[in-house]
């Protein structure tokens, strides 16, 4: 299977972003179907929580430990 991860500078340095199937399922529970979320992103009608959750799950998939303060 192809590596679909993406590495880029974000916040304090280089980070890897990767969404796995189980994470997509969790994302859908919070933000609705992935197709609808994608449509909102491309139409620029997404909410702040949509964007935050996509980034959060992608960072977790890239092996960043999640912390909530």
C-alpha atoms as a PDB file:
ATOM      1  CA  UNK A   1       0.000   0.000   0.000  1.00  0.00           C
ATOM      2  CA  UNK A   2       1.255   3.492  -0.830  1.00  0.00           C
ATOM      3  CA  UNK A   3       2.383   5.818   1.928  1.00  0.00           C
ATOM      4  CA  UNK A   4      -0.184   8.622   1.970  1.00  0.00           C
ATOM      5  CA  UNK A   5       1.446  10.649   4.739  1.00  0.00           C
ATOM      6  CA  UNK A   6       2.396  14.288   4.234  1.00  0.00           C
ATOM      7  CA  UNK A   7       5.236  16.095   6.003  1.00  0.00           C
ATOM      8  CA  UNK A   8       5.229  19.879   6.354  1.00  0.00           C
ATOM      9  CA  UNK A   9       6.205  22.697   8.700  1.00  0.00           C
ATOM     10  CA  UNK A  10       3.376  23.309  11.158  1.00  0.00           C
ATOM     11  CA  UNK A  11       3.532  25.273  14.405  1.00  0.00           C
ATOM     12  CA  UNK A  12       6.906  24.542  15.943  1.00  0.00           C
ATOM     13  CA  UNK A  13       8.552  22.407  13.246  1.00  0.00           C
ATOM     14  CA  UNK A  14       8.231  19.658  10.674  1.00  0.00           C
ATOM     15  CA  UNK A  15       5.357  17.270  11.351  1.00  0.00           C
ATOM     16  CA  UNK A  16       3.935  14.257   9.537  1.00  0.00           C
ATOM     17  CA  UNK A  17       0.205  14.191   8.825  1.00  0.00           C
ATOM     18  CA  UNK A  18      -1.532  10.879   8.146  1.00  0.00           C
ATOM     19  CA  UNK A  19      -5.183   9.784   8.349  1.00  0.00           C
ATOM     20  CA  UNK A  20      -5.862   6.079   8.796  1.00  0.00           C
ATOM     21  CA  UNK A  21      -9.236   4.391   8.234  1.00  0.00           C
ATOM     22  CA  UNK A  22     -10.067   4.176  11.980  1.00  0.00           C
ATOM     23  CA  UNK A  23      -9.273   7.885  12.335  1.00  0.00           C
ATOM     24  CA  UNK A  24     -11.522   8.760   9.415  1.00  0.00           C
ATOM     25  CA  UNK A  25     -14.346   6.897  11.170  1.00  0.00           C
ATOM     26  CA  UNK A  26     -13.723   8.933  14.351  1.00  0.00           C
ATOM     27  CA  UNK A  27     -13.572  12.132  12.307  1.00  0.00           C
ATOM     28  CA  UNK A  28     -16.940  11.272  10.729  1.00  0.00           C
ATOM     29  CA  UNK A  29     -18.483  10.856  14.193  1.00  0.00           C
ATOM     30  CA  UNK A  30     -17.449  14.423  15.064  1.00  0.00           C
ATOM     31  CA  UNK A  31     -17.844  16.210  11.720  1.00  0.00           C
ATOM     32  CA  UNK A  32     -20.277  14.146   9.651  1.00  0.00           C
ATOM     33  CA  UNK A  33     -19.629  12.088   6.517  1.00  0.00           C
ATOM     34  CA  UNK A  34     -16.167  12.551   5.009  1.00  0.00           C
ATOM     35  CA  UNK A  35     -17.693  13.475   1.635  1.00  0.00           C
ATOM     36  CA  UNK A  36     -19.735  16.268   3.197  1.00  0.00           C
ATOM     37  CA  UNK A  37     -16.690  17.463   5.133  1.00  0.00           C
ATOM     38  CA  UNK A  38     -14.656  17.479   1.914  1.00  0.00           C
ATOM     39  CA  UNK A  39     -17.386  19.425   0.113  1.00  0.00           C
ATOM     40  CA  UNK A  40     -17.447  22.035   2.908  1.00  0.00           C
ATOM     41  CA  UNK A  41     -13.647  22.384   2.710  1.00  0.00           C
ATOM     42  CA  UNK A  42     -13.594  22.842  -1.084  1.00  0.00           C
ATOM     43  CA  UNK A  43     -16.554  25.239  -0.981  1.00  0.00           C
ATOM     44  CA  UNK A  44     -14.828  27.212   1.811  1.00  0.00           C
ATOM     45  CA  UNK A  45     -17.869  26.854   4.047  1.00  0.00           C
ATOM     46  CA  UNK A  46     -16.225  24.763   6.772  1.00  0.00           C
ATOM     47  CA  UNK A  47     -16.260  25.559  10.475  1.00  0.00           C
ATOM     48  CA  UNK A  48     -13.248  26.073  12.715  1.00  0.00           C
ATOM     49  CA  UNK A  49     -13.990  22.774  14.438  1.00  0.00           C
ATOM     50  CA  UNK A  50     -13.963  20.935  11.064  1.00  0.00           C
ATOM     51  CA  UNK A  51     -10.484  22.207  10.339  1.00  0.00           C
ATOM     52  CA  UNK A  52      -9.184  21.654  13.883  1.00  0.00           C
ATOM     53  CA  UNK A  53     -10.383  18.041  13.979  1.00  0.00           C
ATOM     54  CA  UNK A  54      -8.889  17.184  10.578  1.00  0.00           C
ATOM     55  CA  UNK A  55      -5.517  18.614  11.643  1.00  0.00           C
ATOM     56  CA  UNK A  56      -5.723  16.953  15.065  1.00  0.00           C
ATOM     57  CA  UNK A  57      -6.452  13.478  13.698  1.00  0.00           C
ATOM     58  CA  UNK A  58      -3.835  13.833  10.943  1.00  0.00           C
ATOM     59  CA  UNK A  59      -1.173  14.767  13.514  1.00  0.00           C
ATOM     60  CA  UNK A  60      -2.173  11.841  15.736  1.00  0.00           C
ATOM     61  CA  UNK A  61      -1.840   9.576  12.695  1.00  0.00           C
ATOM     62  CA  UNK A  62       1.630  11.022  12.177  1.00  0.00           C
ATOM     63  CA  UNK A  63       2.605   9.813  15.681  1.00  0.00           C
ATOM     64  CA  UNK A  64       2.133  13.037  17.631  1.00  0.00           C
ATOM     65  CA  UNK A  65       0.809  12.339  21.125  1.00  0.00           C
ATOM     66  CA  UNK A  66      -2.541  14.087  21.649  1.00  0.00           C
ATOM     67  CA  UNK A  67      -2.827  16.349  24.671  1.00  0.00           C
ATOM     68  CA  UNK A  68      -5.704  18.528  25.753  1.00  0.00           C
ATOM     69  CA  UNK A  69      -5.159  21.392  28.191  1.00  0.00           C
END
